[in-house]
Amino acid sequence: MALIELNGIGRSYWVGGGELKVLKDVTLTIHEGEFVAIVGPSGSGKTTLLQMLGALDWPTAGTLKYRGKSLLDLDDAAAYRAHEIGFIFQAFHLLPTFTAIENVQIPMFENHQSRVARKTRAFELLKSVGLEQRVNHFPAKLSGGERQRVAIARSLANSPSVLLADEPTGNLDSESARHILDLITSLHFDRRMTLVLITHDLSVASRASRAIQMKDGQVVFDGDPAKLSNA
């Protein structure tokens, strides 16, 4: 089933009186339950494309649909992000004055859950990523891998349909990166979530069922990750 459909997507910015085209005529369909890796050099448009999928940015050309409905016509983009999308960022984006369990609860305020329900779910999510002993620790007292685990737990707070991960292992040492990638991959399979992951590492992309390679704002390859090196 087609979950997300992009047709002729373009994104331009006007800088210094000139037009900078970040995305050019991108046409893609992402199906429910897929694990898609987006690869390409810096400046190729990967992050901008991911932001489109999460309704954090909007195209200047083309159409963008989620479950057959136009994202461009959303009445409440924040509600769409809160209920349908889970975000994992390279820089974690945890609030430093909140504990791990408090950080995980933040997206739940969109659903107006009770305090007890929020705390209970946050604890279960932290337990699911192996941090049940660290729930009351502040980010500064956690390792990089632990902070990313908190961020992953937070991304699952509202049981999203789609998980968008932007270089989730980029700030981690190799061992922590492997553990985080294993965790994200297992979440994809166990929860049957659609996963779209940005990476510059072809070994990470090899975990995906499909790879999209970008260059200069365009899709130059879409297919088997094993064939990326020949793209």
C-alpha atoms as a PDB file:
ATOM      1  CA  MET A   1       0.000   0.000   0.000  1.00  0.00           C
ATOM      2  CA  ALA A   2       1.300   3.449  -0.918  1.00  0.00           C
ATOM      3  CA  LEU A   3       1.845   5.378   2.282  1.00  0.00           C
ATOM      4  CA  ILE A   4       3.667   8.481   1.054  1.00  0.00           C
ATOM      5  CA  GLU A   5       3.616   9.738  -2.530  1.00  0.00           C
ATOM      6  CA  LEU A   6       5.827  12.511  -3.883  1.00  0.00           C
ATOM      7  CA  ASN A   7       5.279  13.686  -7.428  1.00  0.00           C
ATOM      8  CA  GLY A   8       7.508  16.285  -9.061  1.00  0.00           C
ATOM      9  CA  ILE A   9       8.626  17.717  -5.713  1.00  0.00           C
ATOM     10  CA  GLY A  10      10.815  20.788  -5.888  1.00  0.00           C
ATOM     11  CA  ARG A  11      12.174  23.017  -3.139  1.00  0.00           C
ATOM     12  CA  SER A  12      13.845  26.320  -3.811  1.00  0.00           C
ATOM     13  CA  TYR A  13      15.214  29.009  -1.546  1.00  0.00           C
ATOM     14  CA  TRP A  14      16.009  32.535  -2.543  1.00  0.00           C
ATOM     15  CA  VAL A  15      19.469  33.537  -1.362  1.00  0.00           C
ATOM     16  CA  GLY A  16      21.167  36.821  -2.182  1.00  0.00           C
ATOM     17  CA  GLY A  17      18.645  37.598  -4.875  1.00  0.00           C
ATOM     18  CA  GLY A  18      19.172  34.233  -6.602  1.00  0.00           C
ATOM     19  CA  GLU A  19      17.307  30.935  -6.583  1.00  0.00           C
ATOM     20  CA  LEU A  20      18.895  27.918  -4.898  1.00  0.00           C
ATOM     21  CA  LYS A  21      17.219  24.675  -5.977  1.00  0.00           C
ATOM     22  CA  VAL A  22      17.607  22.123  -3.196  1.00  0.00           C
ATOM     23  CA  LEU A  23      15.192  19.521  -4.571  1.00  0.00           C
ATOM     24  CA  LYS A  24      14.438  19.049  -8.262  1.00  0.00           C
ATOM     25  CA  ASP A  25      11.524  17.021  -9.613  1.00  0.00           C
ATOM     26  CA  VAL A  26      11.617  14.272  -6.985  1.00  0.00           C
ATOM     27  CA  THR A  27       9.051  11.549  -7.598  1.00  0.00           C
ATOM     28  CA  LEU A  28       8.849   8.665  -5.112  1.00  0.00           C
ATOM     29  CA  THR A  29       6.388   6.296  -3.501  1.00  0.00           C
ATOM     30  CA  ILE A  30       7.103   4.881  -0.057  1.00  0.00           C
ATOM     31  CA  HIS A  31       5.030   1.878   0.906  1.00  0.00           C
ATOM     32  CA  GLU A  32       3.728   0.955   4.323  1.00  0.00           C
ATOM     33  CA  GLY A  33       6.221  -1.094   6.316  1.00  0.00           C
ATOM     34  CA  GLU A  34       9.235  -0.324   4.117  1.00  0.00           C
ATOM     35  CA  PHE A  35      12.722   0.355   5.413  1.00  0.00           C
ATOM     36  CA  VAL A  36      14.172   2.985   3.094  1.00  0.00           C
ATOM     37  CA  ALA A  37      17.693   4.384   3.373  1.00  0.00           C
ATOM     38  CA  ILE A  38      18.413   7.757   1.777  1.00  0.00           C
ATOM     39  CA  VAL A  39      22.073   8.277   0.926  1.00  0.00           C
ATOM     40  CA  GLY A  40      24.115  10.946  -0.775  1.00  0.00           C
ATOM     41  CA  PRO A  41      26.782  13.582  -0.122  1.00  0.00           C
ATOM     42  CA  SER A  42      26.258  16.695   1.998  1.00  0.00           C
ATOM     43  CA  GLY A  43      24.081  19.183   0.174  1.00  0.00           C
ATOM     44  CA  SER A  44      22.374  16.553  -1.975  1.00  0.00           C
ATOM     45  CA  GLY A  45      18.929  17.282  -0.504  1.00  0.00           C
ATOM     46  CA  LYS A  46      18.577  14.302   1.847  1.00  0.00           C
ATOM     47  CA  THR A  47      17.557  16.231   4.951  1.00  0.00           C
ATOM     48  CA  THR A  48      15.259  18.553   3.024  1.00  0.00           C
ATOM     49  CA  LEU A  49      13.489  15.514   1.603  1.00  0.00           C
ATOM     50  CA  LEU A  50      13.112  13.998   5.067  1.00  0.00           C
ATOM     51  CA  GLN A  51      11.696  17.284   6.356  1.00  0.00           C
ATOM     52  CA  MET A  52       9.085  17.176   3.600  1.00  0.00           C
ATOM     53  CA  LEU A  53       7.986  13.719   4.719  1.00  0.00           C
ATOM     54  CA  GLY A  54       7.608  14.973   8.284  1.00  0.00           C
ATOM     55  CA  ALA A  55       5.815  18.214   7.349  1.00  0.00           C
ATOM     56  CA  LEU A  56       8.665  20.291   8.730  1.00  0.00           C
ATOM     57  CA  ASP A  57       9.154  21.964   5.354  1.00  0.00           C
ATOM     58  CA  TRP A  58       7.004  22.433   2.281  1.00  0.00           C
ATOM     59  CA  PRO A  59       7.717  22.037  -1.432  1.00  0.00           C
ATOM     60  CA  THR A  60       7.660  24.955  -3.832  1.00  0.00           C
ATOM     61  CA  ALA A  61       6.560  22.606  -6.624  1.00  0.00           C
ATOM     62  CA  GLY A  62       4.829  19.246  -6.937  1.00  0.00           C
ATOM     63  CA  THR A  63       2.427  17.239  -4.792  1.00  0.00           C
ATOM     64  CA  LEU A  64       2.946  15.372  -1.525  1.00  0.00           C
ATOM     65  CA  LYS A  65       0.396  12.864  -0.209  1.00  0.00           C
ATOM     66  CA  TYR A  66       0.077  10.756   2.922  1.00  0.00           C
ATOM     67  CA  ARG A  67      -2.402   7.882   2.714  1.00  0.00           C
ATOM     68  CA  GLY A  68      -3.840   9.486  -0.391  1.00  0.00           C
ATOM     69  CA  LYS A  69      -4.426  12.905   1.196  1.00  0.00           C
ATOM     70  CA  SER A  70      -2.439  16.025   0.379  1.00  0.00           C
ATOM     71  CA  LEU A  71      -0.074  17.109   3.137  1.00  0.00           C
ATOM     72  CA  LEU A  72      -0.126  20.573   1.616  1.00  0.00           C
ATOM     73  CA  ASP A  73      -3.778  20.901   2.655  1.00  0.00           C
ATOM     74  CA  LEU A  74      -3.297  19.919   6.292  1.00  0.00           C
ATOM     75  CA  ASP A  75      -5.288  21.987   8.762  1.00  0.00           C
ATOM     76  CA  ASP A  76      -2.869  21.134  11.568  1.00  0.00           C
ATOM     77  CA  ALA A  77       0.635  20.055  10.561  1.00  0.00           C
ATOM     78  CA  ALA A  78       1.677  19.797  14.224  1.00  0.00           C
ATOM     79  CA  ALA A  79      -1.050  17.223  14.883  1.00  0.00           C
ATOM     80  CA  TYR A  80       0.081  15.203  11.859  1.00  0.00           C
ATOM     81  CA  ARG A  81       3.651  15.205  13.149  1.00  0.00           C
ATOM     82  CA  ALA A  82       2.569  14.310  16.674  1.00  0.00           C
ATOM     83  CA  HIS A  83       0.341  11.387  15.726  1.00  0.00           C
ATOM     84  CA  GLU A  84       1.856   9.939  12.561  1.00  0.00           C
ATOM     85  CA  ILE A  85       5.593  10.727  12.636  1.00  0.00           C
ATOM     86  CA  GLY A  86       8.403   9.823  14.999  1.00  0.00           C
ATOM     87  CA  PHE A  87      11.642  11.794  14.597  1.00  0.00           C
ATOM     88  CA  ILE A  88      15.176  10.708  15.528  1.00  0.00           C
ATOM     89  CA  PHE A  89      17.903  13.298  15.013  1.00  0.00           C
ATOM     90  CA  GLN A  90      21.690  13.084  15.007  1.00  0.00           C
ATOM     91  CA  ALA A  91      21.927  15.713  17.753  1.00  0.00           C
ATOM     92  CA  PHE A  92      19.348  13.995  20.046  1.00  0.00           C
ATOM     93  CA  HIS A  93      17.486  17.277  20.821  1.00  0.00           C
ATOM     94  CA  LEU A  94      16.737  16.341  24.420  1.00  0.00           C
ATOM     95  CA  LEU A  95      15.770  19.093  26.846  1.00  0.00           C
ATOM     96  CA  PRO A  96      18.702  19.345  29.294  1.00  0.00           C
ATOM     97  CA  THR A  97      16.618  20.325  32.327  1.00  0.00           C
ATOM     98  CA  PHE A  98      14.250  17.372  31.905  1.00  0.00           C
ATOM     99  CA  THR A  99      14.996  13.821  33.018  1.00  0.00           C
ATOM    100  CA  ALA A 100      14.903  10.918  30.582  1.00  0.00           C
ATOM    101  CA  ILE A 101      11.359   9.978  31.541  1.00  0.00           C
ATOM    102  CA  GLU A 102      10.221  13.612  31.272  1.00  0.00           C
ATOM    103  CA  ASN A 103      11.782  13.996  27.823  1.00  0.00           C
ATOM    104  CA  VAL A 104       9.929  10.925  26.574  1.00  0.00           C
ATOM    105  CA  GLN A 105       6.616  12.317  27.796  1.00  0.00           C
ATOM    106  CA  ILE A 106       6.836  15.582  25.847  1.00  0.00           C
ATOM    107  CA  PRO A 107       5.063  14.404  22.651  1.00  0.00           C
ATOM    108  CA  MET A 108       2.258  12.889  24.719  1.00  0.00           C
ATOM    109  CA  PHE A 109       0.933  16.287  25.753  1.00  0.00           C
ATOM    110  CA  GLU A 110      -0.536  16.525  22.250  1.00  0.00           C
ATOM    111  CA  ASN A 111      -2.881  13.655  23.213  1.00  0.00           C
ATOM    112  CA  HIS A 112      -3.976  15.167  26.549  1.00  0.00           C
ATOM    113  CA  GLN A 113      -3.181  11.988  28.456  1.00  0.00           C
ATOM    114  CA  SER A 114      -3.270  11.895  32.223  1.00  0.00           C
ATOM    115  CA  ARG A 115      -0.040  12.369  34.135  1.00  0.00           C
ATOM    116  CA  VAL A 116      -0.104   8.751  35.304  1.00  0.00           C
ATOM    117  CA  ALA A 117      -0.721   7.420  31.784  1.00  0.00           C
ATOM    118  CA  ARG A 118       2.119   9.521  30.374  1.00  0.00           C
ATOM    119  CA  LYS A 119       4.583   8.439  33.018  1.00  0.00           C
ATOM    120  CA  THR A 120       3.610   4.771  32.718  1.00  0.00           C
ATOM    121  CA  ARG A 121       4.021   4.747  28.954  1.00  0.00           C
ATOM    122  CA  ALA A 122       7.301   6.666  29.120  1.00  0.00           C
ATOM    123  CA  PHE A 123       8.695   4.125  31.563  1.00  0.00           C
ATOM    124  CA  GLU A 124       7.643   1.209  29.346  1.00  0.00           C
ATOM    125  CA  LEU A 125       9.270   2.834  26.324  1.00  0.00           C
ATOM    126  CA  LEU A 126      12.507   3.473  28.197  1.00  0.00           C
ATOM    127  CA  LYS A 127      12.423  -0.120  29.392  1.00  0.00           C
ATOM    128  CA  SER A 128      11.991  -1.278  25.788  1.00  0.00           C
ATOM    129  CA  VAL A 129      15.255   0.473  24.839  1.00  0.00           C
ATOM    130  CA  GLY A 130      17.114  -0.853  27.885  1.00  0.00           C
ATOM    131  CA  LEU A 131      17.080   2.281  30.042  1.00  0.00           C
ATOM    132  CA  GLU A 132      14.751   1.329  32.889  1.00  0.00           C
ATOM    133  CA  GLN A 133      17.588   2.013  35.346  1.00  0.00           C
ATOM    134  CA  ARG A 134      18.227   5.516  33.951  1.00  0.00           C
ATOM    135  CA  VAL A 135      14.744   7.019  33.829  1.00  0.00           C
ATOM    136  CA  ASN A 136      15.482   9.803  36.331  1.00  0.00           C
ATOM    137  CA  HIS A 137      18.840  10.816  34.885  1.00  0.00           C
ATOM    138  CA  PHE A 138      19.306  14.127  33.108  1.00  0.00           C
ATOM    139  CA  PRO A 139      20.834  14.085  29.596  1.00  0.00           C
ATOM    140  CA  ALA A 140      24.174  15.389  30.877  1.00  0.00           C
ATOM    141  CA  LYS A 141      24.494  12.246  33.007  1.00  0.00           C
ATOM    142  CA  LEU A 142      23.880   9.897  30.080  1.00  0.00           C
ATOM    143  CA  SER A 143      26.302   8.667  27.433  1.00  0.00           C
ATOM    144  CA  GLY A 144      25.768   9.535  23.776  1.00  0.00           C
ATOM    145  CA  GLY A 145      24.298   6.108  23.097  1.00  0.00           C
ATOM    146  CA  GLU A 146      21.966   6.419  26.085  1.00  0.00           C
ATOM    147  CA  ARG A 147      20.810   9.855  24.975  1.00  0.00           C
ATOM    148  CA  GLN A 148      19.982   8.483  21.556  1.00  0.00           C
ATOM    149  CA  ARG A 149      18.041   5.660  23.200  1.00  0.00           C
ATOM    150  CA  VAL A 150      16.004   8.254  25.092  1.00  0.00           C
ATOM    151  CA  ALA A 151      15.395  10.057  21.793  1.00  0.00           C
ATOM    152  CA  ILE A 152      14.247   6.804  20.208  1.00  0.00           C
ATOM    153  CA  ALA A 153      11.885   6.124  23.099  1.00  0.00           C
ATOM    154  CA  ARG A 154      10.521   9.661  22.707  1.00  0.00           C
ATOM    155  CA  SER A 155       9.996   9.111  18.969  1.00  0.00           C
ATOM    156  CA  LEU A 156       7.688   6.192  19.814  1.00  0.00           C
ATOM    157  CA  ALA A 157       5.642   8.086  22.396  1.00  0.00           C
ATOM    158  CA  ASN A 158       2.478   8.379  20.297  1.00  0.00           C
ATOM    159  CA  SER A 159       2.836   5.097  18.383  1.00  0.00           C
ATOM    160  CA  PRO A 160       3.646   6.748  15.043  1.00  0.00           C
ATOM    161  CA  SER A 161       3.181   5.052  11.679  1.00  0.00           C
ATOM    162  CA  VAL A 162       6.440   6.412  10.276  1.00  0.00           C
ATOM    163  CA  LEU A 163       9.872   6.734  11.864  1.00  0.00           C
ATOM    164  CA  LEU A 164      12.143   9.348  10.271  1.00  0.00           C
ATOM    165  CA  ALA A 165      15.793   9.087  11.312  1.00  0.00           C
ATOM    166  CA  ASP A 166      18.360  11.693  10.233  1.00  0.00           C
ATOM    167  CA  GLU A 167      21.899  10.284  10.662  1.00  0.00           C
ATOM    168  CA  PRO A 168      20.905   8.687  13.997  1.00  0.00           C
ATOM    169  CA  THR A 169      24.367   7.177  14.540  1.00  0.00           C
ATOM    170  CA  GLY A 170      26.355  10.203  13.343  1.00  0.00           C
ATOM    171  CA  ASN A 171      27.390  11.422  16.813  1.00  0.00           C
ATOM    172  CA  LEU A 172      28.229   8.017  18.256  1.00  0.00           C
ATOM    173  CA  ASP A 173      31.302   5.814  18.515  1.00  0.00           C
ATOM    174  CA  SER A 174      31.288   2.675  16.386  1.00  0.00           C
ATOM    175  CA  GLU A 175      30.065   0.306  19.119  1.00  0.00           C
ATOM    176  CA  SER A 176      27.252   2.608  20.243  1.00  0.00           C
ATOM    177  CA  ALA A 177      26.330   3.227  16.607  1.00  0.00           C
ATOM    178  CA  ARG A 178      25.996  -0.504  15.995  1.00  0.00           C
ATOM    179  CA  HIS A 179      23.753  -0.931  19.049  1.00  0.00           C
ATOM    180  CA  ILE A 180      21.542   2.000  18.034  1.00  0.00           C
ATOM    181  CA  LEU A 181      21.227   0.730  14.473  1.00  0.00           C
ATOM    182  CA  ASP A 182      20.323  -2.733  15.782  1.00  0.00           C
ATOM    183  CA  LEU A 183      17.689  -1.148  18.006  1.00  0.00           C
ATOM    184  CA  ILE A 184      16.141   0.954  15.238  1.00  0.00           C
ATOM    185  CA  THR A 185      16.105  -2.007  12.867  1.00  0.00           C
ATOM    186  CA  SER A 186      14.446  -4.263  15.438  1.00  0.00           C
ATOM    187  CA  LEU A 187      11.804  -1.613  16.133  1.00  0.00           C
ATOM    188  CA  HIS A 188      11.056  -1.489  12.421  1.00  0.00           C
ATOM    189  CA  PHE A 189      10.542  -5.246  12.236  1.00  0.00           C
ATOM    190  CA  ASP A 190       8.841  -5.785  15.597  1.00  0.00           C
ATOM    191  CA  ARG A 191       6.409  -2.879  15.273  1.00  0.00           C
ATOM    192  CA  ARG A 192       6.055  -3.107  11.484  1.00  0.00           C
ATOM    193  CA  MET A 193       6.787   0.588  11.221  1.00  0.00           C
ATOM    194  CA  THR A 194       7.723   2.399   8.057  1.00  0.00           C
ATOM    195  CA  LEU A 195      11.317   3.542   8.520  1.00  0.00           C
ATOM    196  CA  VAL A 196      13.090   6.194   6.455  1.00  0.00           C
ATOM    197  CA  LEU A 197      16.709   6.676   7.490  1.00  0.00           C
ATOM    198  CA  ILE A 198      19.291   9.143   6.208  1.00  0.00           C
ATOM    199  CA  THR A 199      22.893   7.981   6.252  1.00  0.00           C
ATOM    200  CA  HIS A 200      26.185   8.619   4.496  1.00  0.00           C
ATOM    201  CA  ASP A 201      27.385   5.144   5.476  1.00  0.00           C
ATOM    202  CA  LEU A 202      26.726   2.462   2.851  1.00  0.00           C
ATOM    203  CA  SER A 203      27.094  -0.271   5.479  1.00  0.00           C
ATOM    204  CA  VAL A 204      24.171   1.285   7.358  1.00  0.00           C
ATOM    205  CA  ALA A 205      22.175   1.601   4.139  1.00  0.00           C
ATOM    206  CA  SER A 206      22.774  -2.101   3.476  1.00  0.00           C
ATOM    207  CA  ARG A 207      20.405  -2.885   6.363  1.00  0.00           C
ATOM    208  CA  ALA A 208      17.502  -1.342   4.442  1.00  0.00           C
ATOM    209  CA  SER A 209      15.231  -3.117   1.981  1.00  0.00           C
ATOM    210  CA  ARG A 210      15.515  -0.179  -0.419  1.00  0.00           C
ATOM    211  CA  ALA A 211      18.004   2.607  -1.006  1.00  0.00           C
ATOM    212  CA  ILE A 212      17.472   6.023  -2.553  1.00  0.00           C
ATOM    213  CA  GLN A 213      20.607   7.841  -3.621  1.00  0.00           C
ATOM    214  CA  MET A 214      20.513  11.595  -4.104  1.00  0.00           C
ATOM    215  CA  LYS A 215      22.848  13.971  -5.883  1.00  0.00           C
ATOM    216  CA  ASP A 216      22.366  17.695  -6.512  1.00  0.00           C
ATOM    217  CA  GLY A 217      18.753  17.570  -5.334  1.00  0.00           C
ATOM    218  CA  GLN A 218      17.732  14.690  -7.578  1.00  0.00           C
ATOM    219  CA  VAL A 219      17.182  10.966  -7.159  1.00  0.00           C
ATOM    220  CA  VAL A 220      19.893   9.180  -9.130  1.00  0.00           C
ATOM    221  CA  PHE A 221      19.286   5.644  -7.849  1.00  0.00           C
ATOM    222  CA  ASP A 222      16.305   3.829  -6.329  1.00  0.00           C
ATOM    223  CA  GLY A 223      16.610   0.129  -5.660  1.00  0.00           C
ATOM    224  CA  ASP A 224      18.577  -2.647  -4.006  1.00  0.00           C
ATOM    225  CA  PRO A 225      21.099  -1.268  -1.458  1.00  0.00           C
ATOM    226  CA  ALA A 226      23.584  -3.923  -2.559  1.00  0.00           C
ATOM    227  CA  LYS A 227      23.844  -2.152  -5.917  1.00  0.00           C
ATOM    228  CA  LEU A 228      24.539   1.293  -4.476  1.00  0.00           C
ATOM    229  CA  SER A 229      28.250   1.217  -5.162  1.00  0.00           C
ATOM    230  CA  ASN A 230      27.488   0.795  -8.862  1.00  0.00           C
ATOM    231  CA  ALA A 231      24.915   3.593  -8.973  1.00  0.00           C
END
